[in-house]
Protein backbone atom coordinates (compact mmCIF):
# COMPACT_ATOMS: atom_id res chain seq x y z
CA MET A 1 10.20 -46.57 179.07
CA ILE A 2 12.38 -43.60 178.17
CA ALA A 3 11.58 -40.64 180.35
CA LYS A 4 14.07 -38.12 179.00
CA ALA A 5 16.40 -37.80 176.03
CA ARG A 6 18.48 -34.98 174.73
CA GLY A 7 21.46 -34.50 172.42
CA ARG A 8 23.52 -31.67 171.02
CA PRO A 9 26.82 -31.24 169.15
CA SER A 10 29.69 -30.07 171.31
CA GLN A 11 32.11 -27.28 170.39
CA VAL A 12 34.84 -28.76 168.20
CA PRO A 13 37.09 -27.44 165.43
CA ALA A 14 35.33 -26.64 162.18
CA THR A 15 36.97 -29.36 160.17
CA GLY A 16 37.32 -31.87 162.97
CA PRO A 17 34.98 -34.66 163.97
CA ARG A 18 31.56 -33.86 165.40
CA LEU A 19 30.96 -35.08 168.93
CA PHE A 20 27.40 -35.71 170.06
CA SER A 21 26.69 -36.34 173.72
CA LEU A 22 23.27 -37.84 174.38
CA GLN A 23 21.75 -38.79 177.72
CA TYR A 24 18.85 -41.12 178.41
CA VAL A 25 17.09 -41.44 181.75
CA ALA A 26 15.17 -44.69 181.76
CA SER A 27 13.39 -47.07 184.08
CA PRO A 28 14.66 -50.42 182.89
CA PRO A 29 13.15 -53.70 184.03
CA HIS A 30 16.63 -55.24 183.72
CA PRO A 31 19.22 -52.62 184.73
CA ALA A 32 22.13 -54.98 184.17
CA SER A 33 21.53 -55.22 180.46
CA GLY A 34 20.00 -51.81 179.78
CA PRO A 35 16.45 -50.83 178.85
CA PRO A 36 14.89 -52.72 175.94
CA GLY A 37 14.73 -50.70 172.77
CA VAL A 38 17.20 -47.97 173.73
CA SER A 39 20.29 -49.75 172.43
CA GLU A 40 18.52 -50.69 169.20
CA TRP A 41 17.36 -47.08 168.69
CA GLN A 42 20.88 -45.79 169.24
CA LEU A 43 22.42 -48.22 166.78
CA ALA A 44 19.76 -47.54 164.16
CA GLN A 45 20.23 -43.78 164.37
CA TYR A 46 23.98 -43.73 164.67
CA GLU A 47 25.16 -46.88 162.93
CA GLY A 48 27.09 -44.81 160.38
CA GLY A 49 29.17 -43.20 163.10
CA ARG A 50 32.87 -43.73 163.38
CA ARG A 51 33.01 -44.33 167.10
CA THR A 52 30.39 -44.78 169.76
CA CYS A 53 30.89 -44.79 173.53
CA TYR A 54 28.21 -45.91 175.98
CA THR A 55 28.28 -45.38 179.73
CA ARG A 56 25.70 -46.18 182.40
CA GLU A 57 25.04 -44.58 185.76
CA LYS A 58 22.41 -45.55 188.28
CA VAL A 59 20.74 -42.33 189.40
CA ALA A 60 17.93 -43.87 191.44
CA PRO A 61 16.90 -47.34 192.63
CA THR A 62 14.67 -47.75 189.56
CA ARG A 63 16.25 -45.32 187.13
CA LEU A 64 19.27 -45.63 184.88
CA LEU A 65 21.17 -42.83 183.13
CA LEU A 66 22.77 -43.79 179.84
CA ARG A 67 25.23 -41.51 178.09
CA MET A 68 26.34 -41.95 174.53
CA GLU A 69 29.16 -40.11 172.79
CA TYR A 70 29.12 -40.25 169.02
CA ARG A 71 31.92 -39.18 166.72
CA ASP A 72 31.08 -38.41 163.13
CA ASP A 73 34.03 -38.22 160.74
CA GLU A 74 32.24 -35.82 158.38
CA PRO A 75 33.61 -32.26 158.72
CA ILE A 76 31.35 -29.45 159.86
CA ILE A 77 31.29 -26.43 157.57
CA GLU A 78 31.53 -23.21 159.57
CA GLU A 79 31.48 -19.71 158.14
CA GLU A 80 33.51 -17.96 160.82
CA GLU A 81 36.63 -16.26 159.49
CA ASP A 82 38.86 -17.61 162.25
CA ASN A 83 37.92 -21.17 161.42
CA GLN A 84 38.64 -20.62 157.72
CA ARG A 85 42.18 -19.47 158.55
CA THR A 86 42.98 -22.83 160.14
CA LYS A 87 41.18 -24.89 157.52
CA CYS A 88 44.32 -26.27 155.88
CA SER A 89 46.09 -27.20 159.11
CA SER A 90 42.91 -28.76 160.50
CA LYS A 91 42.53 -30.93 157.42
CA VAL A 92 46.10 -32.13 157.74
CA GLY A 93 45.45 -32.96 161.37
CA GLN A 94 42.26 -34.80 160.48
CA ILE A 95 44.04 -36.86 157.83
CA LEU A 96 46.78 -37.80 160.30
CA GLN A 97 44.13 -38.70 162.87
CA GLU A 98 42.44 -41.01 160.38
CA ILE A 99 45.65 -42.98 159.77
CA THR A 100 45.37 -46.08 161.93
CA ILE A 101 46.28 -49.51 160.60
CA GLU A 102 47.86 -48.39 157.31
CA PRO A 103 51.44 -48.09 158.75
CA MET A 104 51.06 -51.51 160.37
CA MET A 105 49.98 -52.91 157.01
CA PHE A 106 52.96 -51.19 155.36
CA PHE A 107 55.61 -52.59 157.72
CA GLY A 108 54.04 -56.05 157.82
CA ILE A 109 53.77 -56.35 154.05
CA MET A 110 57.28 -54.99 153.57
CA ALA A 111 58.57 -57.68 155.91
CA TRP A 112 56.76 -60.36 153.89
CA ALA A 113 57.99 -58.94 150.58
CA ILE A 114 61.64 -58.80 151.66
CA GLN A 115 61.77 -62.56 152.11
CA SER A 116 58.98 -63.77 149.79
CA SER A 117 60.83 -65.10 146.75
CA LEU A 118 64.09 -65.58 148.62
CA GLY A 119 62.52 -68.43 150.59
CA THR A 120 62.06 -70.30 147.31
CA ASN A 121 65.62 -69.46 146.28
CA LEU A 122 66.95 -70.77 149.61
CA LEU A 123 65.01 -73.99 149.12
CA LEU A 124 66.39 -74.35 145.58
CA THR A 125 69.94 -73.98 146.90
CA LYS A 126 69.43 -76.53 149.69
CA VAL A 127 67.75 -79.07 147.38
CA CYS A 128 70.51 -78.70 144.78
CA ARG A 129 73.17 -79.30 147.45
CA GLU A 130 71.37 -82.47 148.52
CA GLN A 131 70.97 -83.76 144.95
CA GLN A 132 74.31 -82.77 143.42
CA ASN A 133 76.59 -82.24 146.44
CA ASP A 134 78.48 -79.75 144.27
CA THR A 135 78.53 -76.04 145.11
CA GLU A 136 79.78 -75.12 141.62
CA ILE A 137 76.79 -76.77 139.93
CA CYS A 138 74.37 -75.11 142.35
CA ALA A 139 75.95 -71.70 141.78
CA ASN A 140 75.34 -72.06 138.03
CA LEU A 141 72.06 -73.95 138.19
CA THR A 142 70.42 -71.67 135.61
CA SER A 143 72.75 -72.86 132.86
CA ARG A 144 72.06 -76.54 133.63
CA ALA A 145 68.55 -77.25 132.39
CA GLU A 146 68.33 -80.88 133.53
CA GLU A 147 69.56 -80.28 137.08
CA ASN A 148 67.45 -77.12 137.32
CA ALA A 149 64.23 -78.93 136.35
CA ALA A 150 64.95 -81.79 138.78
CA ALA A 151 65.54 -79.40 141.68
CA GLN A 152 62.46 -77.35 140.84
CA LYS A 153 60.20 -80.40 141.04
CA VAL A 154 61.37 -81.11 144.60
CA VAL A 155 61.06 -77.45 145.61
CA SER A 156 57.51 -77.18 144.27
CA THR A 157 56.58 -80.31 146.26
CA ILE A 158 58.06 -78.91 149.49
CA LYS A 159 56.18 -75.65 148.90
CA MET A 160 52.99 -77.70 148.58
CA TYR A 161 53.68 -79.36 151.96
CA GLU A 162 54.33 -75.93 153.42
CA ARG A 163 50.91 -74.74 152.28
CA LEU A 164 49.25 -77.82 153.77
CA LEU A 165 50.96 -77.28 157.14
CA THR A 166 49.91 -73.64 157.33
CA GLY A 167 46.49 -74.11 155.75
CA ILE A 168 44.86 -76.90 157.77
CA PRO A 169 45.26 -75.34 161.28
CA THR A 170 44.29 -71.93 159.89
CA VAL A 171 41.02 -73.36 158.56
CA ILE A 172 40.07 -74.53 162.06
CA PHE A 173 41.33 -71.40 163.81
CA ILE A 174 39.52 -68.89 161.62
CA LEU A 175 36.05 -70.38 162.23
CA PHE A 176 36.28 -69.43 165.90
CA LEU A 177 38.09 -66.12 165.56
CA GLY A 178 35.60 -64.06 163.53
CA SER A 179 32.69 -64.23 165.95
CA TRP A 180 35.17 -63.88 168.84
CA SER A 181 36.53 -60.64 167.34
CA ASP A 182 33.00 -59.20 167.13
CA LYS A 183 32.89 -59.43 170.93
CA HIS A 184 36.50 -59.00 171.99
CA GLY A 185 37.99 -56.76 169.30
CA ARG A 186 40.16 -56.85 166.20
CA LYS A 187 43.50 -55.88 167.71
CA ILE A 188 44.65 -59.29 168.94
CA PRO A 189 43.78 -61.05 165.64
CA MET A 190 45.90 -58.44 163.85
CA ILE A 191 48.94 -58.82 166.12
CA LEU A 192 49.02 -62.63 166.39
CA PRO A 193 49.88 -63.34 162.71
CA LEU A 194 52.65 -60.74 162.80
CA PHE A 195 54.16 -62.44 165.84
CA GLY A 196 53.86 -65.87 164.21
CA ASN A 197 55.67 -64.67 161.09
CA PHE A 198 58.36 -63.08 163.25
CA LEU A 199 59.07 -66.46 164.88
CA SER A 200 58.88 -68.20 161.49
CA THR A 201 61.51 -65.86 160.07
CA LEU A 202 63.87 -66.66 162.94
CA ILE A 203 63.54 -70.38 162.13
CA ILE A 204 64.31 -69.70 158.45
CA MET A 205 67.42 -67.76 159.54
CA ILE A 206 68.61 -70.87 161.39
CA ASN A 207 68.14 -72.92 158.21
CA ALA A 208 70.05 -70.30 156.21
CA TYR A 209 72.93 -70.14 158.71
CA TRP A 210 73.33 -73.93 158.76
CA ILE A 211 72.83 -74.40 155.03
CA GLU A 212 73.75 -78.09 155.28
CA LEU A 213 70.55 -78.87 157.21
CA PRO A 214 68.05 -80.94 155.18
CA ALA A 215 65.72 -78.89 153.00
CA MET A 216 62.67 -80.43 154.68
CA TYR A 217 63.70 -78.77 157.99
CA ILE A 218 62.47 -75.47 156.61
CA LEU A 219 58.93 -76.79 157.11
CA PHE A 220 59.37 -76.14 160.86
CA ALA A 221 58.99 -72.46 160.00
CA SER A 222 55.35 -73.19 159.09
CA ILE A 223 54.40 -74.12 162.67
CA PRO A 224 54.31 -70.59 164.22
CA ILE A 225 52.31 -69.33 161.25
CA SER A 226 49.76 -72.13 161.50
CA LEU A 227 49.27 -71.56 165.25
CA THR A 228 48.68 -67.80 164.89
CA GLY A 229 46.33 -67.71 161.92
CA GLY A 230 48.64 -66.62 159.11
CA THR A 231 48.00 -63.89 156.59
CA ILE A 232 44.35 -64.90 156.14
CA THR A 233 43.60 -64.05 159.77
CA TYR A 234 45.63 -60.85 159.48
CA PHE A 235 43.68 -59.54 156.49
CA MET A 236 40.35 -60.65 157.98
CA ALA A 237 40.99 -58.59 161.11
CA CYS A 238 42.29 -55.59 159.14
CA TYR A 239 39.28 -55.40 156.83
CA ALA A 240 36.83 -55.89 159.70
CA TYR A 241 38.59 -53.12 161.65
CA MET A 242 38.47 -50.78 158.64
CA SER A 243 34.76 -51.51 158.18
CA ASP A 244 34.20 -50.66 161.86
CA MET A 245 35.93 -47.32 161.44
CA THR A 246 34.39 -46.09 158.17
CA ARG A 247 31.05 -45.17 156.66
CA GLU A 248 29.60 -46.60 153.46
CA ARG A 249 30.37 -43.55 151.33
CA THR A 250 34.09 -43.65 152.03
CA ARG A 251 34.56 -47.37 152.65
CA THR A 252 35.69 -48.43 149.18
CA MET A 253 38.21 -45.59 149.11
CA ARG A 254 39.53 -46.33 152.61
CA MET A 255 39.87 -50.02 151.85
CA ALA A 256 41.77 -49.05 148.73
CA PHE A 257 44.07 -46.92 150.88
CA LEU A 258 44.57 -49.95 153.12
CA ASN A 259 45.62 -51.82 150.00
CA LEU A 260 47.84 -48.82 149.26
CA GLY A 261 49.87 -49.75 152.33
CA PHE A 262 50.19 -53.19 150.73
CA SER A 263 51.14 -51.71 147.36
CA LEU A 264 53.71 -49.38 148.92
CA GLY A 265 55.25 -51.94 151.25
CA SER A 266 55.61 -54.64 148.61
CA PRO A 267 57.86 -52.85 146.08
CA LEU A 268 60.01 -51.40 148.83
CA GLY A 269 60.29 -54.84 150.36
CA PHE A 270 61.22 -56.48 147.06
CA PHE A 271 63.72 -53.71 146.33
CA LEU A 272 65.34 -53.95 149.76
CA GLY A 273 65.25 -57.74 149.57
CA GLY A 274 67.33 -57.78 146.40
CA ILE A 275 69.88 -55.29 147.76
CA LEU A 276 70.17 -57.05 151.12
CA PHE A 277 70.62 -60.44 149.47
CA ASP A 278 73.39 -59.13 147.19
CA ARG A 279 75.25 -57.42 150.04
CA ALA A 280 74.44 -59.46 153.14
CA GLY A 281 73.20 -62.81 151.87
CA TYR A 282 70.36 -64.82 153.35
CA LEU A 283 70.97 -63.75 156.95
CA GLY A 284 70.89 -60.04 156.17
CA ASN A 285 67.70 -60.45 154.18
CA PHE A 286 65.77 -62.49 156.72
CA GLY A 287 67.15 -60.43 159.60
CA ALA A 288 65.71 -57.25 158.08
CA SER A 289 62.40 -59.03 157.54
CA ALA A 290 62.24 -60.04 161.21
CA LEU A 291 63.02 -56.45 162.23
CA PHE A 292 60.12 -55.02 160.22
CA PHE A 293 57.73 -57.63 161.64
CA LEU A 294 58.81 -56.48 165.10
CA ILE A 295 58.23 -52.81 164.18
CA ALA A 296 54.72 -53.63 162.96
CA ILE A 297 53.95 -55.45 166.22
CA ILE A 298 55.17 -52.56 168.38
CA TYR A 299 53.22 -50.02 166.31
CA ALA A 300 50.03 -52.06 166.63
CA ILE A 301 50.37 -52.35 170.39
CA ILE A 302 51.04 -48.63 170.92
CA ARG A 303 48.97 -46.87 168.24
CA ILE A 304 45.88 -48.92 167.40
CA GLU A 305 42.80 -48.52 169.58
CA ASP A 306 40.41 -51.42 169.45
CA THR A 307 36.86 -50.77 168.21
CA ARG A 308 35.28 -53.54 170.25
CA GLY A 309 35.77 -55.62 173.35
CA PRO A 310 36.94 -54.98 176.91
CA PHE A 311 40.00 -52.98 175.82
CA SER A 312 38.00 -50.58 173.66
CA LYS A 313 37.02 -47.09 174.75
CA TYR A 314 33.91 -47.40 172.62
CA ASN A 315 32.16 -50.41 174.08
CA GLU A 316 28.54 -51.15 173.36
CA LEU A 317 26.10 -52.11 176.12
CA VAL A 318 26.76 -55.81 175.63
CA PRO A 319 27.83 -58.06 178.53
CA LEU A 320 31.18 -59.66 177.71
CA PRO A 321 32.68 -62.88 179.07
CA ARG A 322 35.42 -62.14 181.57
CA ASN A 323 37.71 -64.87 180.27
CA MET A 324 38.60 -64.05 176.68
CA CYS A 325 40.60 -67.24 176.12
CA SER A 326 37.82 -69.60 177.19
CA GLY A 327 35.40 -67.83 174.86
CA LEU A 328 37.68 -68.30 171.86
CA PHE A 329 36.94 -71.98 171.32
CA ASP A 330 33.24 -71.80 172.11
CA MET A 331 31.38 -73.82 169.46
CA LYS A 332 28.75 -71.08 169.33
CA ASN A 333 31.35 -68.99 167.49
CA VAL A 334 31.42 -71.57 164.69
CA LYS A 335 27.63 -71.78 164.55
CA ASP A 336 27.24 -67.99 164.35
CA THR A 337 29.91 -67.78 161.66
CA VAL A 338 28.25 -70.38 159.44
CA LEU A 339 24.74 -69.01 159.87
CA VAL A 340 25.69 -65.42 158.99
CA VAL A 341 25.93 -66.34 155.30
CA LYS A 342 22.57 -68.15 155.31
CA LYS A 343 20.60 -65.15 156.57
CA LEU A 344 17.98 -63.77 154.21
CA ARG A 345 18.68 -60.11 153.45
CA PRO A 346 16.84 -57.46 151.41
CA ASN A 347 17.65 -56.79 147.73
CA LYS A 348 19.11 -60.28 147.22
CA GLY A 349 21.72 -59.50 149.86
CA ARG A 350 22.42 -63.13 150.67
CA GLY A 351 23.06 -63.95 147.02
CA LYS A 352 25.34 -60.96 146.62
CA ILE A 353 27.39 -61.98 149.66
CA ILE A 354 27.79 -65.51 148.32
CA LEU A 355 28.80 -64.24 144.87
CA MET A 356 31.33 -61.79 146.31
CA MET A 357 32.76 -64.57 148.45
CA GLY A 358 32.95 -66.68 145.31
CA THR A 359 34.83 -63.91 143.53
CA LEU A 360 37.37 -63.59 146.32
CA CYS A 361 37.75 -67.37 146.46
CA ILE A 362 38.44 -67.53 142.72
CA PHE A 363 41.16 -64.91 143.15
CA GLN A 364 42.56 -67.01 145.97
CA ILE A 365 42.72 -69.99 143.60
CA VAL A 366 44.46 -67.86 140.98
CA PHE A 367 47.04 -66.80 143.56
CA GLY A 368 48.15 -70.45 143.56
CA SER A 369 50.23 -69.69 140.49
CA ARG A 370 52.13 -66.86 142.20
CA ASN A 371 54.45 -69.25 144.06
CA LEU A 372 55.54 -70.64 140.70
CA ASP A 373 56.28 -67.28 139.07
CA PHE A 374 59.96 -67.27 140.00
CA LEU A 375 60.43 -70.88 138.91
CA TYR A 376 58.67 -70.21 135.58
CA ILE A 377 60.59 -67.08 134.65
CA LYS A 378 63.87 -68.61 135.81
CA LEU A 379 63.22 -71.63 133.61
CA LYS A 380 62.08 -69.69 130.53
CA PHE A 381 64.45 -66.71 130.52
CA GLY A 382 67.17 -67.69 133.00
CA TRP A 383 66.51 -64.81 135.39
CA ASP A 384 68.16 -64.71 138.80
CA TYR A 385 66.58 -63.42 141.99
CA THR A 386 67.78 -59.82 141.49
CA GLU A 387 66.20 -59.56 138.04
CA TYR A 388 62.99 -61.03 139.40
CA THR A 389 62.84 -58.43 142.18
CA HIS A 390 63.15 -55.65 139.59
CA LEU A 391 60.05 -57.01 137.85
CA LYS A 392 58.14 -57.17 141.12
CA VAL A 393 59.12 -53.62 142.01
CA VAL A 394 57.79 -52.31 138.69
CA GLY A 395 54.53 -54.20 139.16
CA LYS A 396 54.05 -52.98 142.71
CA LEU A 397 54.85 -49.37 141.82
CA ALA A 398 52.26 -49.51 139.02
CA SER A 399 49.74 -50.94 141.47
CA LEU A 400 50.68 -48.25 143.99
CA ALA A 401 49.98 -45.47 141.48
CA ALA A 402 46.68 -47.06 140.44
CA MET A 403 45.47 -47.47 144.04
CA ALA A 404 46.44 -43.89 144.90
CA VAL A 405 44.60 -42.35 141.93
CA PHE A 406 41.64 -44.46 140.82
CA PRO A 407 39.67 -45.17 144.05
CA PRO A 408 39.48 -41.51 145.20
CA LEU A 409 38.75 -40.32 141.66
CA LEU A 410 36.36 -43.00 140.45
CA SER A 411 34.68 -44.27 143.61
CA TYR A 412 34.57 -41.16 145.82
CA ARG A 413 34.47 -38.24 143.36
CA LEU A 414 32.80 -39.64 140.24
CA LYS A 415 30.79 -42.22 142.23
CA VAL A 416 31.49 -45.06 139.81
CA SER A 417 29.77 -48.18 141.11
CA ASP A 418 31.72 -50.95 142.81
CA ALA A 419 30.51 -53.44 140.18
CA THR A 420 31.94 -51.34 137.32
CA LEU A 421 35.29 -51.11 139.09
CA GLY A 422 35.21 -54.88 139.56
CA ILE A 423 34.65 -55.50 135.84
CA VAL A 424 37.59 -53.31 134.85
CA ALA A 425 39.83 -54.97 137.44
CA CYS A 426 38.96 -58.51 136.33
CA LEU A 427 39.53 -57.73 132.65
CA SER A 428 42.95 -56.28 133.43
CA GLU A 429 43.88 -59.45 135.34
CA ILE A 430 42.77 -61.66 132.43
CA VAL A 431 44.99 -59.75 130.00
CA HIS A 432 47.83 -59.88 132.53
CA HIS A 433 47.78 -63.69 132.76
CA ILE A 434 47.47 -64.17 129.00
CA LEU A 435 50.53 -61.97 128.44
CA GLU A 436 52.54 -63.97 130.99
CA GLY A 437 51.47 -67.31 129.56
CA CYS A 438 52.44 -66.55 125.96
CA ALA A 439 55.36 -64.17 126.62
CA PRO A 440 57.92 -64.60 123.80
CA TYR A 441 60.21 -61.98 125.35
CA SER A 442 61.00 -61.14 128.95
CA TRP A 443 59.72 -57.54 128.61
CA PHE A 444 56.20 -58.99 128.24
CA PHE A 445 56.28 -59.57 131.99
CA TYR A 446 56.82 -55.86 132.59
CA LEU A 447 53.92 -55.05 130.27
CA ALA A 448 51.72 -57.58 132.08
CA SER A 449 52.60 -56.02 135.45
CA VAL A 450 51.53 -52.56 134.28
CA VAL A 451 48.29 -53.88 132.73
CA SER A 452 47.30 -55.57 136.00
CA SER A 453 47.93 -52.46 138.11
CA VAL A 454 44.18 -52.01 138.69
CA GLY A 455 43.57 -55.71 139.30
CA GLY A 456 43.67 -55.27 143.06
CA LEU A 457 40.48 -53.19 142.88
CA ALA A 458 38.51 -56.41 142.42
CA LEU A 459 39.50 -57.52 145.92
CA VAL A 460 38.76 -54.09 147.39
CA VAL A 461 35.28 -53.69 145.92
CA SER A 462 34.31 -57.29 146.74
CA ARG A 463 35.02 -56.78 150.43
CA SER A 464 33.47 -53.33 150.34
CA ILE A 465 30.22 -54.70 148.87
CA ILE A 466 30.06 -57.39 151.56
CA SER A 467 30.68 -54.88 154.36
CA LYS A 468 27.88 -52.64 153.06
CA ILE A 469 25.34 -55.48 153.21
CA VAL A 470 25.97 -56.86 156.71
CA PRO A 471 25.69 -54.84 159.96
CA ARG A 472 28.81 -54.00 161.97
CA ASP A 473 28.20 -56.63 164.64
CA GLU A 474 28.42 -59.34 161.96
CA LEU A 475 31.53 -58.11 160.14
CA GLY A 476 33.88 -60.42 162.00
CA LYS A 477 31.68 -63.42 161.30
CA VAL A 478 31.27 -62.77 157.58
CA PHE A 479 34.95 -61.95 157.03
CA SER A 480 35.82 -65.03 159.08
CA MET A 481 33.66 -67.21 156.83
CA LEU A 482 35.37 -65.65 153.84
CA ALA A 483 38.77 -66.29 155.37
CA PHE A 484 37.73 -69.91 156.04
CA TRP A 485 37.24 -70.52 152.33
CA GLU A 486 40.38 -68.56 151.50
CA SER A 487 42.26 -70.91 153.84
CA ILE A 488 40.82 -74.07 152.31
CA LEU A 489 41.32 -73.15 148.68
CA PRO A 490 45.16 -73.06 148.78
CA LEU A 491 44.97 -76.70 149.86
CA VAL A 492 43.41 -77.33 146.45
CA SER A 493 44.90 -74.59 144.28
CA HIS A 494 48.57 -75.16 145.11
CA PRO A 495 48.49 -78.91 144.40
CA LEU A 496 46.46 -78.14 141.26
CA TYR A 497 48.93 -75.59 139.90
CA THR A 498 51.89 -77.70 141.01
CA ALA A 499 50.51 -80.72 139.13
CA VAL A 500 49.80 -78.65 136.00
CA TYR A 501 53.24 -77.00 136.12
CA ASN A 502 55.10 -80.29 136.60
CA ALA A 503 53.06 -81.92 133.81
CA THR A 504 53.72 -79.10 131.32
CA ILE A 505 57.20 -77.97 132.39
CA GLU A 506 58.88 -79.61 129.39
CA ASP A 507 56.24 -78.70 126.78
CA TYR A 508 54.50 -75.43 127.70
CA PRO A 509 55.01 -74.30 131.34
CA GLY A 510 52.90 -71.16 130.73
CA THR A 511 49.74 -73.29 130.79
CA ILE A 512 49.17 -72.33 134.42
CA TYR A 513 48.51 -68.71 133.40
CA PHE A 514 45.88 -69.64 130.83
CA LEU A 515 44.17 -71.68 133.54
CA SER A 516 44.11 -68.55 135.73
CA ALA A 517 42.63 -66.45 132.91
CA THR A 518 39.79 -68.97 132.58
CA PHE A 519 38.97 -68.73 136.28
CA LEU A 520 38.98 -64.93 136.13
CA GLY A 521 36.43 -64.99 133.31
CA VAL A 522 33.90 -66.29 135.85
CA THR A 523 34.51 -63.32 138.18
CA THR A 524 33.92 -60.91 135.29
CA VAL A 525 30.49 -62.46 134.68
CA ILE A 526 29.64 -62.08 138.39
CA PHE A 527 30.42 -58.36 138.40
CA ILE A 528 28.41 -57.86 135.20
CA TRP A 529 25.41 -59.48 136.93
CA LEU A 530 25.88 -57.18 139.94
CA LEU A 531 25.93 -54.14 137.67
CA VAL A 532 22.73 -55.21 135.91
CA GLU A 533 21.06 -55.97 139.24
CA LYS A 534 22.06 -52.57 140.63
CA LYS A 535 20.53 -50.77 137.66
CA ARG A 536 17.37 -52.84 138.02
CA GLU A 537 17.09 -51.83 141.69
CA ILE A 538 17.50 -48.14 140.77
CA VAL A 539 14.75 -48.35 138.13
CA SER A 540 12.48 -50.21 140.54
CA THR A 541 13.02 -47.56 143.22
CA GLN A 542 12.26 -44.74 140.79
CA LEU A 543 9.04 -46.40 139.65
CA HIS A 544 8.01 -46.94 143.26
CA GLU A 545 8.61 -43.25 144.08
CA GLU A 546 6.55 -42.13 141.07
CA GLU A 547 3.62 -44.24 142.23
């Protein structure tokens, strides 16, 4: 029974976070775990808070003092003249304080972008050397249609094996990691994939230095990625961390800003990748990529504070296993992850979660065509890697501008619903793929890149909707389940697109893009249903209030 409770805001800058310090003196029947009801009351009242810190102190043999510090990221409006004078500088400080994982996302994505298409180009060179044993033919492969098509078939097959090697272990790994991160924190799951890609890049550098090594040897670079979770684990941890740190009102915007780090890092990475390849070859390109992976790792270790687990300053009153490693492969983690989707939730919450997962999975299937973009445009218009990077830079810059403008304006200021944003994003992606599939001229690809600049909003709002339905202590589980399906689907999508591309390469290789447009039509229907359902809930609530 709670004997005493009090709370008051402390003295903080006018535009800074509010800090509430509450104390509870209780007589718990089980002091080790805290008094029943107190923890639930705290979470219910302060679930929207940015950070929560609990401490316990035994003040008598049968009494327990609990202190809670709560930080609210909403600014306090003060009327004092002195506070108004420092308003601008305080806001700048607050913005800088809010920046957490965005720089890590920026450096990590830039590292991926620097080497992304060049890995395919390296494979094409190695396969051509094996097939033709003639450096002159391989240097002018674009002008030799027959040799080019033969090499591309082998490369697309090796890329399929690469996806299988990275996908299967990731599927198993991710089922355990989500529930584990709810207890032990998000920081380690964010750092591990960066480290795995750093090691993978070093292996690719070895293959580039000894170019005469068999092309299949490049598959060894998949092993570090598969053992550390890959990009699926990385994004799962990042989105769960962002959901921990934000409130519902600002979540869509903050997740869009997280994607902004992606949109900013990608064009810079593609741009640097092209320059480095022209001036320093494969080794200069992959060496720079490894360096940026290392910078992202160091930043994460030094700057990011975990929101959960034994290394967090904001622990909840939950007993944690002392051995983090032994708890990782506990089968209970898998059970909790699977059951989180089956839970009944109000306002058709379970159905909405499943549909949003379906939307993200469809996008993951569509991404299966991205690995074939360079091969397709090289075959159809004879582009080299430098020209391809220019296209990617334009597309990423357009996406960067869209992510910087539309989420704050539409979601935060004008309060446009997530479902409406999803519809617009899906339609733009459909037009984008149709333009690529039927492009009679190369400039159609630039037009398609600009049209799809808002397409990334579909991914943002889907994850935002999911995070607004489930409580914070289930975010790792639900994002882990999502990542599980996102890991499985490439095992299907890449062979599917590879088979379609190889079957149509001589007649109409753009068929893969029309297939993607068909898949995206399903996601548009899902968002339309969500919009109709949201309006129905609003009308139902209004009628209930009138009664």
